[in-house]
Amino acid sequence: MITEKITVGAGTKYPLNGMLTLPDDVSAPVPAVVMVHGSGPSNMDERVMKLTPFKDLAEGLANHGIASVRYDKRTFAYKKEMAKNCGTVKEETINDALLATAMLKIDPRIDSGRVFILGHSMGAMLAPRIDAEGADVKGLIMLAGTPYRLEEVMVKQLRRSSGNSLLGLVVKLEDKIFSKKFNGLYEMSDEEAKKKKFAGNLSLYYFKEMGRKTAADYLLESSKPALIMQGERDFQVLANDDFKAFQDILAGRENTVFRLFPGLNHIFVEAITDNILKATKEYGTERHIGEEVISTIADFVSSCV
């Protein structure tokens, strides 16, 4: 395995530290993936407490002859600037994924016709849009994504967090506040949505702009191969809701592969608890993504010729 420090967006306003991971043998051009983070600030390893899913995937895929690029998310590298003006997911995520894809395609060690977007969580929600907006990749690898809109996912997660405790009462109150804020969102003008704040400097337009088309909408307009993966014990994105909805909506779509992994959580490591209120315990214990997940991705990449 070869690792090289890179800069995604060099010369732009927001250059990002990144890592190119290559297999040992690059005597011929190899396929590659661009890793796209989930929601919130995140470093290039997509570290969640003691878990480092993007690092695990990069190293594992290199052992299968697949290169990868991962990089610090813009909201991680430029917290203050992005807190003042996050804008939309284009500024937060999409533009940098396009730059990273373009970097890979001009590297002579990479097979430019076999570059893939690998998105996790919200990154999976955005992967088909990134392709449609200029990445033009060979295929899409979507881990723990959802066909629902972001605000719908947030409200669902809040409701699952409620209970009889004081915390539960607070969560129920937040649920009512959030649900009310989103009422009539898609009937608002863009200007009105930009003026209404969701939290901090994040406006309702962030949600409206992203929610105009879902991941499923983009996939139905595309014939690109897609691998949709889900952990069966994920308490953030649910196997019997989000994953099943993907299966139902995309039934009959060619080139779509669905894989459900028993016992795995949102990060695709062995789950400890099914309680969303115990996320600290779930993500605070070091584990690593196993070979079954990595080989599933590698087999999909190999099948796309």
Protein backbone atom coordinates (compact mmCIF):
# COMPACT_ATOMS: atom_id res chain seq x y z
CA MET A 1 0.00 0.00 0.00
CA ILE A 2 1.23 3.48 -0.96
CA THR A 3 -0.04 6.66 0.73
CA GLU A 4 0.52 10.19 -0.54
CA LYS A 5 -0.51 13.46 1.05
CA ILE A 6 -2.54 15.57 -1.37
CA THR A 7 -4.46 18.84 -1.42
CA VAL A 8 -7.98 18.87 -2.81
CA GLY A 9 -8.84 22.28 -4.23
CA ALA A 10 -5.28 23.63 -4.27
CA GLY A 11 -5.36 27.25 -5.36
CA THR A 12 -9.01 27.71 -4.37
CA LYS A 13 -10.40 29.59 -1.37
CA TYR A 14 -10.78 26.32 0.56
CA PRO A 15 -7.85 23.94 -0.04
CA LEU A 16 -8.29 20.69 1.89
CA ASN A 17 -5.71 18.27 3.24
CA GLY A 18 -6.22 14.79 1.89
CA MET A 19 -4.73 11.37 1.33
CA LEU A 20 -4.35 9.34 -1.83
CA THR A 21 -4.05 5.62 -1.04
CA LEU A 22 -2.79 3.35 -3.80
CA PRO A 23 -2.29 -0.40 -4.06
CA ASP A 24 1.32 -1.61 -4.19
CA ASP A 25 1.06 -2.45 -7.88
CA VAL A 26 0.23 0.51 -10.12
CA SER A 27 2.12 -0.78 -13.15
CA ALA A 28 -1.21 -0.47 -14.95
CA PRO A 29 -3.96 2.10 -14.17
CA VAL A 30 -6.17 1.04 -11.27
CA PRO A 31 -9.79 1.82 -10.36
CA ALA A 32 -10.41 4.34 -7.59
CA VAL A 33 -13.06 5.76 -5.26
CA VAL A 34 -13.69 9.25 -3.92
CA MET A 35 -14.97 9.15 -0.34
CA VAL A 36 -17.75 11.59 0.59
CA HIS A 37 -18.49 12.25 4.29
CA GLY A 38 -21.70 12.12 6.24
CA SER A 39 -23.23 15.16 7.93
CA GLY A 40 -21.32 17.49 10.24
CA PRO A 41 -17.62 18.43 10.39
CA SER A 42 -15.36 15.45 9.77
CA ASN A 43 -11.69 14.78 9.08
CA MET A 44 -10.36 12.73 6.19
CA ASP A 45 -10.77 9.47 8.13
CA GLU A 46 -14.40 10.39 8.88
CA ARG A 47 -13.52 9.84 12.52
CA VAL A 48 -16.47 9.24 14.82
CA MET A 49 -15.02 9.02 18.33
CA LYS A 50 -12.95 5.79 18.22
CA LEU A 51 -14.05 4.74 14.70
CA THR A 52 -12.28 5.67 11.45
CA PRO A 53 -14.37 4.26 8.60
CA PHE A 54 -12.72 6.04 5.67
CA LYS A 55 -9.24 5.02 6.81
CA ASP A 56 -10.42 1.42 7.19
CA LEU A 57 -11.97 1.44 3.74
CA ALA A 58 -8.98 3.07 2.06
CA GLU A 59 -6.53 0.53 3.47
CA GLY A 60 -8.82 -2.41 2.82
CA LEU A 61 -9.59 -1.43 -0.76
CA ALA A 62 -5.88 -0.90 -1.51
CA ASN A 63 -5.38 -4.58 -0.66
CA HIS A 64 -7.90 -5.34 -3.42
CA GLY A 65 -6.09 -3.21 -6.00
CA ILE A 66 -8.36 -0.16 -5.64
CA ALA A 67 -7.09 3.37 -5.01
CA SER A 68 -8.96 6.01 -3.02
CA VAL A 69 -8.98 9.68 -2.14
CA ARG A 70 -10.18 10.97 1.21
CA TYR A 71 -9.89 14.51 2.53
CA ASP A 72 -10.94 16.77 5.38
CA LYS A 73 -14.47 18.05 4.98
CA ARG A 74 -14.74 21.78 4.41
CA THR A 75 -16.80 22.28 7.59
CA PHE A 76 -13.99 20.57 9.54
CA ALA A 77 -11.09 22.47 7.98
CA TYR A 78 -12.84 25.85 7.93
CA LYS A 79 -15.21 25.68 10.89
CA LYS A 80 -15.51 29.43 11.53
CA GLU A 81 -15.90 30.44 7.90
CA MET A 82 -18.49 27.76 7.18
CA ALA A 83 -20.39 28.46 10.39
CA LYS A 84 -20.89 32.02 9.16
CA ASN A 85 -22.01 31.02 5.70
CA CYS A 86 -22.62 27.34 5.05
CA GLY A 87 -24.96 28.12 2.13
CA THR A 88 -25.94 24.76 0.66
CA VAL A 89 -24.56 21.27 0.28
CA LYS A 90 -22.86 22.46 -2.91
CA GLU A 91 -20.48 24.61 -0.88
CA GLU A 92 -20.30 22.16 2.01
CA THR A 93 -19.74 18.91 0.10
CA ILE A 94 -20.47 18.69 -3.61
CA ASN A 95 -17.90 21.12 -5.02
CA ASP A 96 -15.03 19.46 -3.14
CA ALA A 97 -16.12 15.98 -4.27
CA LEU A 98 -16.08 17.22 -7.86
CA LEU A 99 -12.55 18.59 -7.40
CA ALA A 100 -11.35 15.31 -5.86
CA THR A 101 -12.88 13.31 -8.72
CA ALA A 102 -11.20 15.53 -11.29
CA MET A 103 -7.85 15.06 -9.52
CA LEU A 104 -8.13 11.30 -9.71
CA LYS A 105 -9.09 11.29 -13.36
CA ILE A 106 -5.91 13.07 -14.46
CA ASP A 107 -3.58 10.89 -12.38
CA PRO A 108 -1.88 8.48 -14.85
CA ARG A 109 -1.90 5.73 -12.22
CA ILE A 110 -5.71 5.82 -12.12
CA ASP A 111 -8.06 4.30 -14.70
CA SER A 112 -10.06 7.47 -15.43
CA GLY A 113 -12.95 5.40 -16.77
CA ARG A 114 -13.30 3.47 -13.51
CA VAL A 115 -13.61 6.15 -10.84
CA PHE A 116 -16.45 5.73 -8.32
CA ILE A 117 -18.14 7.90 -5.71
CA LEU A 118 -18.31 6.21 -2.29
CA GLY A 119 -20.65 8.15 -0.03
CA HIS A 120 -21.48 7.42 3.59
CA SER A 121 -24.70 8.54 5.31
CA MET A 122 -25.43 12.04 3.97
CA GLY A 123 -22.58 11.46 1.52
CA ALA A 124 -24.58 8.52 0.18
CA MET A 125 -27.62 10.78 -0.15
CA LEU A 126 -25.52 13.17 -2.26
CA ALA A 127 -23.55 10.62 -4.31
CA PRO A 128 -25.99 10.42 -7.26
CA ARG A 129 -26.25 14.22 -7.35
CA ILE A 130 -22.46 14.59 -7.36
CA ASP A 131 -22.36 12.29 -10.38
CA ALA A 132 -25.16 14.21 -12.12
CA GLU A 133 -23.53 17.59 -11.46
CA GLY A 134 -20.30 16.80 -13.22
CA ALA A 135 -18.38 13.95 -11.58
CA ASP A 136 -19.54 11.56 -14.31
CA VAL A 137 -18.18 8.50 -12.53
CA LYS A 138 -18.41 4.83 -13.44
CA GLY A 139 -20.67 3.93 -10.53
CA LEU A 140 -21.97 4.79 -7.08
CA ILE A 141 -21.30 3.10 -3.74
CA MET A 142 -23.82 4.23 -1.13
CA LEU A 143 -23.34 3.25 2.53
CA ALA A 144 -26.15 3.90 5.03
CA GLY A 145 -27.97 6.33 2.79
CA THR A 146 -31.67 7.09 2.57
CA PRO A 147 -34.17 7.99 -0.15
CA TYR A 148 -35.88 10.44 2.21
CA ARG A 149 -35.20 14.15 2.53
CA LEU A 150 -32.74 15.32 5.17
CA GLU A 151 -35.34 17.07 7.31
CA GLU A 152 -37.50 13.92 7.31
CA VAL A 153 -34.53 11.87 8.51
CA MET A 154 -33.78 14.38 11.28
CA VAL A 155 -37.35 14.36 12.58
CA LYS A 156 -37.43 10.54 12.53
CA GLN A 157 -34.19 10.34 14.49
CA LEU A 158 -35.50 12.80 17.05
CA ARG A 159 -38.65 10.74 17.53
CA ARG A 160 -36.61 7.58 18.05
CA SER A 161 -34.60 9.43 20.71
CA SER A 162 -37.64 10.30 22.80
CA GLY A 163 -38.66 8.37 25.91
CA ASN A 164 -39.99 8.87 29.41
CA SER A 165 -36.89 10.57 30.80
CA LEU A 166 -36.26 14.30 31.08
CA LEU A 167 -34.08 13.99 27.98
CA GLY A 168 -37.02 12.39 26.21
CA LEU A 169 -39.26 15.33 27.06
CA VAL A 170 -36.65 17.74 25.68
CA VAL A 171 -36.40 15.67 22.49
CA LYS A 172 -40.18 15.69 22.07
CA LEU A 173 -40.19 19.47 22.40
CA GLU A 174 -37.41 19.76 19.81
CA ASP A 175 -39.38 17.46 17.52
CA LYS A 176 -42.38 19.80 17.66
CA ILE A 177 -40.18 22.85 17.05
CA PHE A 178 -38.34 21.25 14.12
CA SER A 179 -41.49 19.86 12.52
CA LYS A 180 -43.14 23.27 12.72
CA LYS A 181 -40.12 24.97 11.13
CA PHE A 182 -40.26 22.66 8.14
CA ASN A 183 -43.99 23.15 7.52
CA GLY A 184 -44.57 24.54 4.03
CA LEU A 185 -40.85 24.49 3.24
CA TYR A 186 -41.28 23.66 -0.44
CA GLU A 187 -44.00 26.24 -0.91
CA MET A 188 -41.69 29.02 0.33
CA SER A 189 -39.79 31.14 -2.15
CA ASP A 190 -36.02 30.70 -2.12
CA GLU A 191 -35.64 34.20 -0.68
CA GLU A 192 -38.05 33.44 2.16
CA ALA A 193 -36.29 30.14 2.96
CA LYS A 194 -32.91 31.91 3.02
CA LYS A 195 -34.20 34.41 5.59
CA LYS A 196 -35.61 31.78 7.95
CA LYS A 197 -33.00 30.25 10.24
CA PHE A 198 -33.02 26.62 11.28
CA ALA A 199 -30.18 26.82 13.80
CA GLY A 200 -27.28 29.24 14.08
CA ASN A 201 -26.57 30.60 10.61
CA LEU A 202 -28.05 27.56 8.85
CA SER A 203 -31.14 28.62 6.91
CA LEU A 204 -34.13 26.59 5.81
CA TYR A 205 -32.88 27.09 2.26
CA TYR A 206 -30.11 24.56 3.01
CA PHE A 207 -32.82 21.90 3.39
CA LYS A 208 -35.01 23.16 0.56
CA GLU A 209 -32.17 23.24 -1.95
CA MET A 210 -31.06 19.71 -1.04
CA GLY A 211 -34.59 18.33 -0.81
CA ARG A 212 -35.75 19.32 -4.26
CA LYS A 213 -34.51 15.95 -5.51
CA THR A 214 -33.71 12.93 -3.37
CA ALA A 215 -31.03 10.32 -3.95
CA ALA A 216 -33.72 8.00 -5.33
CA ASP A 217 -34.89 10.70 -7.76
CA TYR A 218 -31.37 11.06 -9.14
CA LEU A 219 -30.88 7.29 -9.38
CA LEU A 220 -34.13 6.84 -11.32
CA GLU A 221 -32.84 9.34 -13.88
CA SER A 222 -29.52 7.50 -14.24
CA SER A 223 -28.40 4.16 -15.59
CA LYS A 224 -25.12 4.16 -13.64
CA PRO A 225 -24.37 1.03 -11.56
CA ALA A 226 -25.16 1.52 -7.88
CA LEU A 227 -24.28 -0.51 -4.78
CA ILE A 228 -26.58 0.29 -1.86
CA MET A 229 -25.31 -1.03 1.49
CA GLN A 230 -26.91 -1.05 4.92
CA GLY A 231 -26.03 -2.27 8.40
CA GLU A 232 -28.90 -4.28 9.85
CA ARG A 233 -28.40 -2.80 13.37
CA ASP A 234 -27.97 0.81 12.26
CA PHE A 235 -30.05 2.99 14.61
CA GLN A 236 -29.57 6.18 12.57
CA VAL A 237 -30.66 4.92 9.15
CA LEU A 238 -32.95 1.92 9.46
CA ALA A 239 -32.85 -1.34 7.54
CA ASN A 240 -36.63 -1.82 7.76
CA ASP A 241 -37.37 1.76 6.72
CA ASP A 242 -34.70 3.59 4.69
CA PHE A 243 -33.08 0.53 3.09
CA LYS A 244 -36.45 -1.09 2.36
CA ALA A 245 -37.69 2.17 0.84
CA PHE A 246 -34.70 2.17 -1.52
CA GLN A 247 -35.51 -1.42 -2.51
CA ASP A 248 -39.16 -0.55 -3.15
CA ILE A 249 -38.51 2.67 -5.07
CA LEU A 250 -35.72 1.21 -7.18
CA ALA A 251 -37.34 -2.19 -7.81
CA GLY A 252 -36.61 -3.13 -11.39
CA ARG A 253 -33.85 -0.57 -11.85
CA GLU A 254 -31.00 -2.23 -13.69
CA ASN A 255 -27.44 -2.26 -12.34
CA THR A 256 -28.58 -1.82 -8.73
CA VAL A 257 -27.12 -4.09 -6.05
CA PHE A 258 -28.50 -4.16 -2.49
CA ARG A 259 -26.50 -5.58 0.42
CA LEU A 260 -27.70 -5.81 4.03
CA PHE A 261 -25.08 -6.73 6.65
CA PRO A 262 -26.42 -8.53 9.74
CA GLY A 263 -25.10 -7.23 13.04
CA LEU A 264 -23.44 -4.09 11.66
CA ASN A 265 -24.16 -0.50 12.68
CA HIS A 266 -24.14 2.86 10.90
CA ILE A 267 -20.33 2.77 10.58
CA PHE A 268 -20.38 -0.83 9.29
CA VAL A 269 -18.68 -2.32 12.32
CA GLU A 270 -20.22 -4.81 14.76
CA ALA A 271 -23.01 -3.12 16.74
CA ILE A 272 -22.92 -2.97 20.52
CA THR A 273 -26.34 -1.47 21.21
CA ASP A 274 -29.57 -0.76 19.33
CA ASN A 275 -30.33 2.31 21.45
CA ILE A 276 -29.80 5.64 19.69
CA LEU A 277 -29.47 7.28 23.13
CA LYS A 278 -26.32 5.22 23.72
CA ALA A 279 -24.43 6.51 20.67
CA THR A 280 -21.44 7.42 22.84
CA LYS A 281 -21.06 3.79 23.87
CA GLU A 282 -21.65 2.59 20.31
CA TYR A 283 -19.03 4.80 18.71
CA GLY A 284 -16.64 5.12 21.66
CA THR A 285 -15.35 1.55 21.44
CA GLU A 286 -12.65 0.94 18.84
CA ARG A 287 -13.55 -1.48 16.04
CA HIS A 288 -12.71 -1.67 12.37
CA ILE A 289 -14.64 -2.37 9.19
CA GLY A 290 -14.34 -6.04 8.31
CA GLU A 291 -13.35 -7.87 5.16
CA GLU A 292 -16.93 -8.76 4.20
CA VAL A 293 -17.82 -5.10 3.71
CA ILE A 294 -14.57 -4.29 1.91
CA SER A 295 -14.75 -7.30 -0.42
CA THR A 296 -18.38 -6.45 -1.27
CA ILE A 297 -17.26 -3.02 -2.47
CA ALA A 298 -14.24 -4.48 -4.28
CA ASP A 299 -16.40 -7.08 -6.06
CA PHE A 300 -18.81 -4.36 -7.19
CA VAL A 301 -15.95 -2.23 -8.54
CA SER A 302 -14.53 -5.28 -10.35
CA SER A 303 -17.92 -6.02 -11.89
CA CYS A 304 -18.14 -2.55 -13.46
CA VAL A 305 -16.02 -2.91 -16.56
